[in-house]
Amino acid sequence: MKKIVSGFIATCIAMTGGTALAQEAFPPVYRFTLEDCLNYARTNNYTLLSLKLSEDASEDVYGQSGKERLPSLSASLSENMSSARESGASWNGNYGLNAALTLYQGGNITNAIEQNKLKMEQAAYRTSQYENTLTIQILQTFLSVLANEELLNYQEAVLAASEEHLKQGREQFQSGKILQSDYLLLEAQCANDKNSLLNTQISRDNSLLSLKTLLAVSPENDLQIIYPDTAALREMSLLPSLNEVMNTTFHSLPDLKISSYSVDIARTGLKLAKANYLPTVSLQGSIGTGHAADYSRFGAQLSDRLNGQIGISLTVPIYDNSRTKSKVTQSRIALQQAELDKKQTELDVRQTVATEYQEVVSARNLYQTTRIRQNAYSKTFDVYHAQFQAGAITAVDLLQQQNNYINALNDYIQSKYEFMLKRKILDVYMGIQVKM
């Protein structure tokens, strides 16, 4: 019985270990929609995590600046030995507590607290700014994967048709119905279609690799894209007005918030610089005691020598080699520069949004045009395919229509996903949650 139990336990351990090794051998599989990608990146992208740590650091600095209003307290203790030829060695000691409190410093502490608060809030907007950048990058790579996947589906169908044409052309050439040159054209077209398919696969894999990098997913892990609902594309075609886009962007875009905070921080910096012209009033207090060489009266000595003091000090700046004046000048220039940067940022945003909006309108029109064109060439190619099978047209006629269809197909897919990207970028600018 003991042998049976021992064998059973050993088997369980072996199975458990084998399961663990199997889990390590097979990396995880990620099946993500666009929203899944964005949510995963928010908690795993290294640059974004670093910016969030910067937020924490700014919050700590702000919290510390508020404690500057509190008094400082320090303790001191010393034990000394002295030696003389006549009296020999002796010990003495001194102990004390010292406290200080700044009563007035020209508003320096108040302005420092305000400035650190502004920097803390600005750090949060810098994180949001990068989140927008990251969202656009994920959009680009995600849609690139979708575009290449859709193109692959069409190319596989085209390659299947080319292989069928080549097979039929071989039979016609062997029976003398077509020239060798026609057959060679069919062979070249089939080889070209295979190469196009391979290049698209490589482009898709590269886009997936770029997406994994943005998500901080290991390259060897399997990332599978879940296609969005086709209704999403119809919703994208409904564009808000330019004024609506512009107004919403100006209320939500972190870039504008950051520039406004830079102005406020520089203005507070000017106040801090001017505070050096003003006097500083401080309150100090201390209490101390000590002992001499006679340890037999140690307690009594500490009591007898107990002393304390309290006082107020006033420090008035008179001349500091114009350092304060120079600092005020530099702070004033920094404020003017921040105000100019804010105006330039607002102008750049207006121009960017207006340009992006027009590009969205253009991309939508191009997508609608190429969709009609692709549909027309697809049906024409089907007709020519049937005619070639019936022997009614030459290989040259067939390949010309096939190339027209492929070109129209490439234009359609490119314009479709270009429109989707530009339309969603508008949502990013307006602070609308990106979903598809």
Protein backbone atom coordinates (compact mmCIF):
# COMPACT_ATOMS: atom_id res chain seq x y z
CA MET A 1 0.00 0.00 0.00
CA LYS A 2 2.85 2.41 0.84
CA LYS A 3 4.39 1.75 -2.55
CA ILE A 4 1.09 2.46 -4.29
CA VAL A 5 0.59 5.73 -2.38
CA SER A 6 4.18 6.80 -3.04
CA GLY A 7 3.80 6.02 -6.72
CA PHE A 8 0.56 7.99 -6.91
CA ILE A 9 2.18 11.03 -5.26
CA ALA A 10 5.19 10.84 -7.57
CA THR A 11 2.88 10.67 -10.59
CA CYS A 12 0.96 13.74 -9.40
CA ILE A 13 4.19 15.66 -8.88
CA ALA A 14 5.43 14.67 -12.32
CA MET A 15 2.14 15.72 -13.92
CA THR A 16 2.19 19.05 -12.08
CA GLY A 17 5.76 19.69 -13.08
CA GLY A 18 4.99 18.74 -16.66
CA THR A 19 2.06 21.16 -16.72
CA ALA A 20 4.25 23.97 -15.39
CA LEU A 21 6.92 23.25 -17.99
CA ALA A 22 4.28 23.16 -20.70
CA GLN A 23 2.95 26.53 -19.57
CA GLU A 24 6.46 27.97 -19.73
CA ALA A 25 7.13 26.38 -23.13
CA PHE A 26 4.04 27.92 -24.75
CA PRO A 27 3.90 31.73 -24.50
CA PRO A 28 0.52 33.37 -23.86
CA VAL A 29 -1.84 34.22 -26.69
CA TYR A 30 -3.39 37.71 -26.80
CA ARG A 31 -6.65 38.24 -28.67
CA PHE A 32 -7.23 42.00 -28.66
CA THR A 33 -9.70 44.44 -30.08
CA LEU A 34 -8.53 48.02 -30.56
CA GLU A 35 -9.98 48.92 -27.15
CA ASP A 36 -8.13 45.98 -25.59
CA CYS A 37 -4.87 47.21 -27.10
CA LEU A 38 -5.37 50.72 -25.73
CA ASN A 39 -6.32 49.48 -22.25
CA TYR A 40 -3.39 47.08 -22.13
CA ALA A 41 -0.94 49.79 -23.21
CA ARG A 42 -2.14 52.14 -20.46
CA THR A 43 -0.92 49.72 -17.80
CA ASN A 44 2.10 48.20 -19.57
CA ASN A 45 3.75 50.70 -21.93
CA TYR A 46 7.13 51.54 -20.40
CA THR A 47 7.25 55.19 -21.42
CA LEU A 48 3.76 55.76 -20.04
CA LEU A 49 4.66 54.04 -16.77
CA SER A 50 7.75 56.23 -16.52
CA LEU A 51 5.64 59.37 -16.93
CA LYS A 52 3.30 58.16 -14.20
CA LEU A 53 6.32 57.80 -11.91
CA SER A 54 7.20 61.40 -12.75
CA GLU A 55 3.69 62.32 -11.65
CA ASP A 56 4.29 60.59 -8.32
CA ALA A 57 7.58 62.45 -7.90
CA SER A 58 5.90 65.80 -8.61
CA GLU A 59 3.18 64.99 -6.10
CA ASP A 60 5.82 64.21 -3.47
CA VAL A 61 7.61 67.51 -4.13
CA TYR A 62 4.32 69.37 -3.77
CA GLY A 63 3.56 67.62 -0.50
CA GLN A 64 7.01 68.43 0.82
CA SER A 65 6.72 72.12 -0.09
CA GLY A 66 3.64 72.39 2.12
CA LYS A 67 5.64 71.14 5.09
CA GLU A 68 8.03 74.09 4.76
CA ARG A 69 5.52 76.08 6.84
CA LEU A 70 6.22 73.84 9.83
CA PRO A 71 9.01 74.58 12.32
CA SER A 72 12.29 72.72 12.16
CA LEU A 73 13.61 70.90 15.21
CA SER A 74 17.06 69.48 15.88
CA ALA A 75 18.86 67.98 18.84
CA SER A 76 22.54 68.18 19.76
CA LEU A 77 24.62 66.14 22.16
CA SER A 78 28.34 66.31 22.86
CA GLU A 79 30.66 64.60 25.34
CA ASN A 80 34.21 65.93 25.58
CA MET A 81 37.31 64.80 27.41
CA SER A 82 39.98 67.30 28.43
CA SER A 83 43.34 66.55 29.96
CA ALA A 84 45.77 68.74 31.96
CA ARG A 85 49.06 67.89 33.62
CA GLU A 86 47.94 69.13 37.02
CA SER A 87 44.30 67.91 37.16
CA GLY A 88 44.44 64.91 34.84
CA ALA A 89 41.60 63.88 32.56
CA SER A 90 38.04 65.17 32.96
CA TRP A 91 34.73 64.88 31.12
CA ASN A 92 32.09 67.44 30.29
CA GLY A 93 29.00 67.37 28.17
CA ASN A 94 26.37 69.60 26.62
CA TYR A 95 22.85 68.74 25.39
CA GLY A 96 20.33 70.89 23.58
CA LEU A 97 17.20 71.21 21.47
CA ASN A 98 16.92 73.90 18.78
CA ALA A 99 13.79 75.00 16.90
CA ALA A 100 13.23 77.55 14.12
CA LEU A 101 10.18 78.82 12.30
CA THR A 102 10.04 81.15 9.31
CA LEU A 103 7.33 83.73 9.97
CA TYR A 104 7.70 85.76 6.78
CA GLN A 105 9.83 85.34 3.69
CA GLY A 106 8.25 87.61 1.14
CA GLY A 107 5.66 84.99 0.16
CA ASN A 108 8.45 82.62 -0.85
CA ILE A 109 6.93 79.53 0.76
CA THR A 110 3.41 80.29 -0.48
CA ASN A 111 4.60 80.83 -4.05
CA ALA A 112 6.80 77.72 -3.93
CA ILE A 113 3.79 75.66 -2.84
CA GLU A 114 1.70 77.15 -5.64
CA GLN A 115 4.40 76.54 -8.23
CA ASN A 116 4.91 72.91 -7.17
CA LYS A 117 1.16 72.38 -7.31
CA LEU A 118 1.12 73.71 -10.87
CA LYS A 119 4.03 71.46 -11.83
CA MET A 120 2.23 68.46 -10.33
CA GLU A 121 -0.92 69.19 -12.33
CA GLN A 122 1.11 69.87 -15.47
CA ALA A 123 2.84 66.49 -15.07
CA ALA A 124 -0.57 64.81 -15.24
CA TYR A 125 -1.30 66.60 -18.53
CA ARG A 126 2.11 65.55 -19.89
CA THR A 127 1.07 61.97 -19.21
CA SER A 128 -2.22 62.60 -21.03
CA GLN A 129 -0.29 64.16 -23.89
CA TYR A 130 1.78 61.02 -24.32
CA GLU A 131 -1.35 58.88 -24.00
CA ASN A 132 -2.70 60.70 -27.06
CA THR A 133 0.55 60.09 -28.92
CA LEU A 134 0.50 56.44 -27.91
CA THR A 135 -3.14 56.11 -28.96
CA ILE A 136 -2.36 57.45 -32.43
CA GLN A 137 0.63 55.12 -32.75
CA ILE A 138 -1.49 52.12 -31.74
CA LEU A 139 -4.19 53.23 -34.18
CA GLN A 140 -1.65 53.39 -37.00
CA THR A 141 -0.19 49.95 -36.33
CA PHE A 142 -3.56 48.32 -35.56
CA LEU A 143 -5.14 49.63 -38.75
CA SER A 144 -2.02 48.69 -40.71
CA VAL A 145 -2.47 45.11 -39.53
CA LEU A 146 -6.13 45.21 -40.54
CA ALA A 147 -5.31 46.68 -43.95
CA ASN A 148 -2.69 44.03 -44.67
CA GLU A 149 -5.00 41.26 -43.47
CA GLU A 150 -7.78 42.45 -45.75
CA LEU A 151 -5.35 42.83 -48.64
CA LEU A 152 -4.11 39.29 -48.01
CA ASN A 153 -7.62 37.92 -48.36
CA TYR A 154 -8.02 39.60 -51.75
CA GLN A 155 -4.52 38.63 -52.87
CA GLU A 156 -5.13 35.00 -52.00
CA ALA A 157 -8.22 35.05 -54.20
CA VAL A 158 -6.28 36.77 -57.00
CA LEU A 159 -3.44 34.24 -56.67
CA ALA A 160 -5.93 31.38 -56.84
CA ALA A 161 -7.32 32.89 -60.05
CA SER A 162 -3.80 33.38 -61.43
CA GLU A 163 -2.92 29.75 -60.72
CA GLU A 164 -6.11 28.67 -62.44
CA HIS A 165 -5.30 30.90 -65.42
CA LEU A 166 -1.79 29.46 -65.55
CA LYS A 167 -3.12 25.90 -65.47
CA GLN A 168 -5.64 26.65 -68.19
CA GLY A 169 -3.03 28.53 -70.21
CA ARG A 170 -0.66 25.58 -70.02
CA GLU A 171 -3.35 23.35 -71.46
CA GLN A 172 -4.15 25.87 -74.21
CA PHE A 173 -0.47 26.32 -75.02
CA GLN A 174 0.09 22.58 -75.22
CA SER A 175 -2.90 22.27 -77.53
CA GLY A 176 -1.68 25.17 -79.66
CA LYS A 177 -4.55 27.52 -78.85
CA ILE A 178 -2.32 30.31 -77.45
CA LEU A 179 1.19 31.49 -78.16
CA GLN A 180 4.13 30.74 -75.89
CA SER A 181 4.44 34.47 -75.13
CA ASP A 182 0.89 34.50 -73.75
CA TYR A 183 1.66 31.51 -71.57
CA LEU A 184 4.85 33.16 -70.29
CA LEU A 185 2.85 36.27 -69.41
CA LEU A 186 0.48 34.14 -67.35
CA GLU A 187 3.44 32.49 -65.65
CA ALA A 188 5.03 35.86 -64.85
CA GLN A 189 1.74 37.21 -63.49
CA CYS A 190 1.34 34.20 -61.19
CA ALA A 191 4.88 34.64 -59.87
CA ASN A 192 4.25 38.34 -59.32
CA ASP A 193 1.03 37.60 -57.40
CA LYS A 194 2.91 35.15 -55.16
CA ASN A 195 5.55 37.78 -54.47
CA SER A 196 2.91 40.41 -53.69
CA LEU A 197 1.26 38.01 -51.24
CA LEU A 198 4.58 37.35 -49.52
CA ASN A 199 5.37 41.07 -49.24
CA THR A 200 1.96 41.74 -47.70
CA GLN A 201 2.51 38.97 -45.16
CA ILE A 202 5.85 40.54 -44.21
CA SER A 203 4.23 43.98 -43.88
CA ARG A 204 1.52 42.52 -41.67
CA ASP A 205 4.06 40.76 -39.45
CA ASN A 206 6.13 43.94 -39.14
CA SER A 207 3.02 45.90 -38.14
CA LEU A 208 2.20 43.25 -35.54
CA LEU A 209 5.73 43.48 -34.19
CA SER A 210 5.44 47.27 -33.93
CA LEU A 211 2.12 46.88 -32.13
CA LYS A 212 3.67 44.41 -29.68
CA THR A 213 6.42 46.92 -28.95
CA LEU A 214 3.88 49.63 -28.15
CA LEU A 215 2.01 47.23 -25.88
CA ALA A 216 5.24 46.00 -24.23
CA VAL A 217 4.41 42.46 -25.35
CA SER A 218 7.29 40.09 -25.99
CA PRO A 219 7.90 39.50 -29.76
CA GLU A 220 7.56 35.72 -29.42
CA ASN A 221 4.07 35.99 -27.92
CA ASP A 222 1.12 35.48 -30.23
CA LEU A 223 -0.96 38.61 -30.80
CA GLN A 224 -4.24 38.13 -32.68
CA ILE A 225 -6.35 41.06 -33.82
CA ILE A 226 -10.12 40.99 -33.44
CA TYR A 227 -11.79 42.77 -36.32
CA PRO A 228 -14.13 45.68 -35.53
CA ASP A 229 -17.78 45.72 -36.44
CA THR A 230 -18.39 46.91 -40.00
CA ALA A 231 -20.94 49.38 -38.59
CA ALA A 232 -18.03 51.35 -37.11
CA LEU A 233 -16.98 52.50 -40.58
CA ARG A 234 -20.45 53.83 -41.33
CA GLU A 235 -20.43 55.77 -38.06
CA MET A 236 -17.08 57.31 -38.95
CA SER A 237 -18.54 58.79 -42.11
CA LEU A 238 -20.71 61.09 -39.95
CA LEU A 239 -18.41 64.06 -39.42
CA PRO A 240 -18.99 66.84 -36.89
CA SER A 241 -18.56 70.41 -38.10
CA LEU A 242 -15.15 72.07 -38.11
CA ASN A 243 -16.26 74.57 -35.45
CA GLU A 244 -17.39 71.74 -33.19
CA VAL A 245 -14.09 69.93 -33.63
CA MET A 246 -12.11 73.13 -32.99
CA ASN A 247 -14.04 74.13 -29.86
CA THR A 248 -13.95 70.65 -28.36
CA THR A 249 -10.23 70.34 -29.07
CA PHE A 250 -9.45 73.61 -27.33
CA HIS A 251 -11.22 72.40 -24.20
CA SER A 252 -9.63 68.94 -24.10
CA LEU A 253 -6.21 68.83 -25.81
CA PRO A 254 -3.44 68.38 -23.20
CA ASP A 255 -0.95 70.36 -25.31
CA LEU A 256 -2.93 73.55 -24.69
CA LYS A 257 -3.27 72.80 -20.97
CA ILE A 258 0.48 72.24 -20.71
CA SER A 259 1.25 75.59 -22.33
CA SER A 260 -1.19 77.36 -20.00
CA TYR A 261 0.45 75.75 -16.99
CA SER A 262 3.86 76.80 -18.27
CA VAL A 263 2.69 80.42 -18.22
CA ASP A 264 1.34 80.09 -14.67
CA ILE A 265 4.55 78.38 -13.50
CA ALA A 266 6.67 81.13 -15.03
CA ARG A 267 4.48 83.81 -13.44
CA THR A 268 4.92 82.17 -10.05
CA GLY A 269 8.65 81.93 -10.71
CA LEU A 270 8.73 85.70 -11.17
CA LYS A 271 7.05 86.16 -7.78
CA LEU A 272 9.64 83.86 -6.22
CA ALA A 273 12.44 85.90 -7.72
CA LYS A 274 10.98 89.18 -6.45
CA ALA A 275 10.64 87.71 -2.94
CA ASN A 276 14.41 87.98 -2.57
CA TYR A 277 13.99 91.78 -2.37
CA LEU A 278 11.91 91.42 0.81
CA PRO A 279 13.08 90.82 4.40
CA THR A 280 12.86 87.48 6.21
CA VAL A 281 11.46 87.18 9.72
CA SER A 282 12.28 84.04 11.70
CA LEU A 283 11.51 82.74 15.16
CA GLN A 284 14.17 80.71 16.98
CA GLY A 285 14.17 78.93 20.30
CA SER A 286 16.51 76.58 22.12
CA ILE A 287 16.85 74.75 25.40
CA GLY A 288 20.03 73.19 26.73
CA THR A 289 21.93 71.84 29.69
CA GLY A 290 25.22 70.13 30.48
CA HIS A 291 27.52 68.67 33.06
CA ALA A 292 31.10 69.00 34.28
CA ALA A 293 33.58 66.36 35.41
CA ASP A 294 31.87 65.40 38.64
CA TYR A 295 29.51 62.57 37.71
CA SER A 296 28.42 62.19 41.32
CA ARG A 297 26.27 65.30 40.89
CA PHE A 298 25.24 64.50 37.28
CA GLY A 299 21.51 64.97 37.79
CA ALA A 300 21.92 68.09 39.86
CA GLN A 301 24.26 69.61 37.28
CA LEU A 302 21.77 69.00 34.49
CA SER A 303 19.11 70.73 36.54
CA ASP A 304 21.34 73.65 37.56
CA ARG A 305 22.62 74.29 34.05
CA LEU A 306 19.22 74.05 32.33
CA ASN A 307 18.80 77.12 30.15
CA GLY A 308 16.55 78.28 27.36
CA GLN A 309 16.16 81.16 24.95
CA ILE A 310 13.72 82.43 22.36
CA GLY A 311 14.06 85.21 19.86
CA ILE A 312 13.03 86.78 16.60
CA SER A 313 15.50 87.61 13.83
CA LEU A 314 15.02 89.99 10.91
CA THR A 315 17.17 89.70 7.81
CA VAL A 316 16.99 92.59 5.35
CA PRO A 317 18.67 92.22 1.95
CA ILE A 318 20.62 95.34 1.03
CA TYR A 319 22.97 94.42 -1.80
CA ASP A 320 23.73 91.00 -3.27
CA ASN A 321 25.82 91.99 -6.29
CA SER A 322 22.60 92.40 -8.37
CA ARG A 323 21.94 88.66 -8.29
CA THR A 324 18.29 89.20 -7.36
CA LYS A 325 17.86 91.84 -10.04
CA SER A 326 19.29 89.50 -12.67
CA LYS A 327 17.10 86.64 -11.48
CA VAL A 328 14.00 88.83 -11.69
CA THR A 329 14.96 89.87 -15.21
CA GLN A 330 15.50 86.26 -16.29
CA SER A 331 12.19 85.21 -14.71
CA ARG A 332 10.36 88.02 -16.51
CA ILE A 333 11.88 86.93 -19.82
CA ALA A 334 10.91 83.30 -19.08
CA LEU A 335 7.33 84.46 -18.49
CA GLN A 336 7.23 86.36 -21.78
CA GLN A 337 8.68 83.32 -23.56
CA ALA A 338 6.05 81.05 -22.01
CA GLU A 339 3.28 83.42 -23.14
CA LEU A 340 4.67 83.43 -26.69
CA ASP A 341 4.94 79.63 -26.66
CA LYS A 342 1.32 79.41 -25.55
CA LYS A 343 0.17 81.63 -28.41
CA GLN A 344 2.26 79.64 -30.87
CA THR A 345 0.84 76.37 -29.54
CA GLU A 346 -2.71 77.65 -29.94
CA LEU A 347 -1.96 78.77 -33.49
CA ASP A 348 -0.33 75.43 -34.33
CA VAL A 349 -3.27 73.50 -32.91
CA ARG A 350 -5.78 75.56 -34.91
CA GLN A 351 -3.80 75.00 -38.09
CA THR A 352 -3.30 71.29 -37.38
CA VAL A 353 -6.97 70.68 -36.58
CA ALA A 354 -8.14 72.60 -39.65
CA THR A 355 -5.70 70.69 -41.86
CA GLU A 356 -6.60 67.33 -40.32
CA TYR A 357 -10.29 68.04 -40.75
CA GLN A 358 -9.89 68.83 -44.44
CA GLU A 359 -7.79 65.69 -44.86
CA VAL A 360 -10.56 63.64 -43.23
CA VAL A 361 -13.11 65.08 -45.66
CA SER A 362 -10.76 64.38 -48.56
CA ALA A 363 -10.00 60.87 -47.30
CA ARG A 364 -13.71 60.10 -46.95
CA ASN A 365 -14.41 61.24 -50.51
CA LEU A 366 -11.46 59.24 -51.84
CA TYR A 367 -12.59 56.15 -49.94
CA GLN A 368 -16.10 56.41 -51.39
CA THR A 369 -14.68 56.89 -54.90
CA THR A 370 -12.21 53.99 -54.69
CA ARG A 371 -14.91 51.72 -53.27
CA ILE A 372 -17.08 52.30 -56.35
CA ARG A 373 -14.05 51.93 -58.63
CA GLN A 374 -12.90 48.71 -56.95
CA ASN A 375 -16.37 47.22 -57.19
CA ALA A 376 -16.55 48.06 -60.89
CA TYR A 377 -13.14 46.57 -61.69
CA SER A 378 -13.94 43.49 -59.62
CA LYS A 379 -17.03 42.75 -61.67
CA THR A 380 -15.16 43.53 -64.91
CA PHE A 381 -12.39 41.14 -63.91
CA ASP A 382 -14.96 38.41 -63.22
CA VAL A 383 -16.36 38.89 -66.72
CA TYR A 384 -12.90 38.75 -68.33
CA HIS A 385 -12.07 35.69 -66.23
CA ALA A 386 -15.12 33.89 -67.61
CA GLN A 387 -14.29 35.02 -71.16
CA PHE A 388 -10.72 33.74 -70.85
CA GLN A 389 -11.97 30.37 -69.67
CA ALA A 390 -14.23 30.30 -72.72
CA GLY A 391 -11.28 31.18 -74.96
CA ALA A 392 -12.91 34.41 -76.11
CA ILE A 393 -10.05 36.74 -75.13
CA THR A 394 -6.26 36.58 -75.05
CA ALA A 395 -4.03 36.40 -71.99
CA VAL A 396 -2.96 39.99 -72.63
CA ASP A 397 -6.55 41.21 -72.32
CA LEU A 398 -7.07 39.16 -69.15
CA LEU A 399 -3.88 40.35 -67.46
CA GLN A 400 -4.62 43.97 -68.29
CA GLN A 401 -7.95 43.76 -66.51
CA GLN A 402 -6.41 41.81 -63.64
CA ASN A 403 -3.79 44.52 -63.11
CA ASN A 404 -6.48 47.18 -63.28
CA TYR A 405 -8.40 45.30 -60.61
CA ILE A 406 -5.33 44.88 -58.39
CA ASN A 407 -4.48 48.58 -58.65
CA ALA A 408 -8.07 49.54 -57.86
CA LEU A 409 -8.06 47.09 -54.96
CA ASN A 410 -4.86 48.52 -53.48
CA ASP A 411 -6.21 52.06 -53.79
CA TYR A 412 -9.46 51.04 -52.13
CA ILE A 413 -7.86 49.35 -49.13
CA GLN A 414 -5.31 52.12 -48.66
CA SER A 415 -7.94 54.87 -48.83
CA LYS A 416 -10.30 52.93 -46.54
CA TYR A 417 -7.84 52.58 -43.69
CA GLU A 418 -6.35 56.01 -44.27
CA PHE A 419 -9.82 57.47 -43.75
CA MET A 420 -10.35 55.37 -40.62
CA LEU A 421 -7.02 56.55 -39.17
CA LYS A 422 -7.57 60.24 -39.89
CA ARG A 423 -11.14 60.10 -38.60
CA LYS A 424 -10.06 58.54 -35.32
CA ILE A 425 -7.24 61.06 -34.91
CA LEU A 426 -9.93 63.73 -34.79
CA ASP A 427 -11.50 61.84 -31.88
CA VAL A 428 -8.13 61.86 -30.11
CA TYR A 429 -7.87 65.62 -30.54
CA MET A 430 -11.38 66.10 -29.20
CA GLY A 431 -10.75 63.91 -26.17
CA ILE A 432 -13.31 61.33 -27.28
CA GLN A 433 -12.64 57.73 -26.24
CA VAL A 434 -11.27 55.86 -29.23
CA LYS A 435 -13.23 52.75 -29.98
CA MET A 436 -14.09 50.77 -33.07
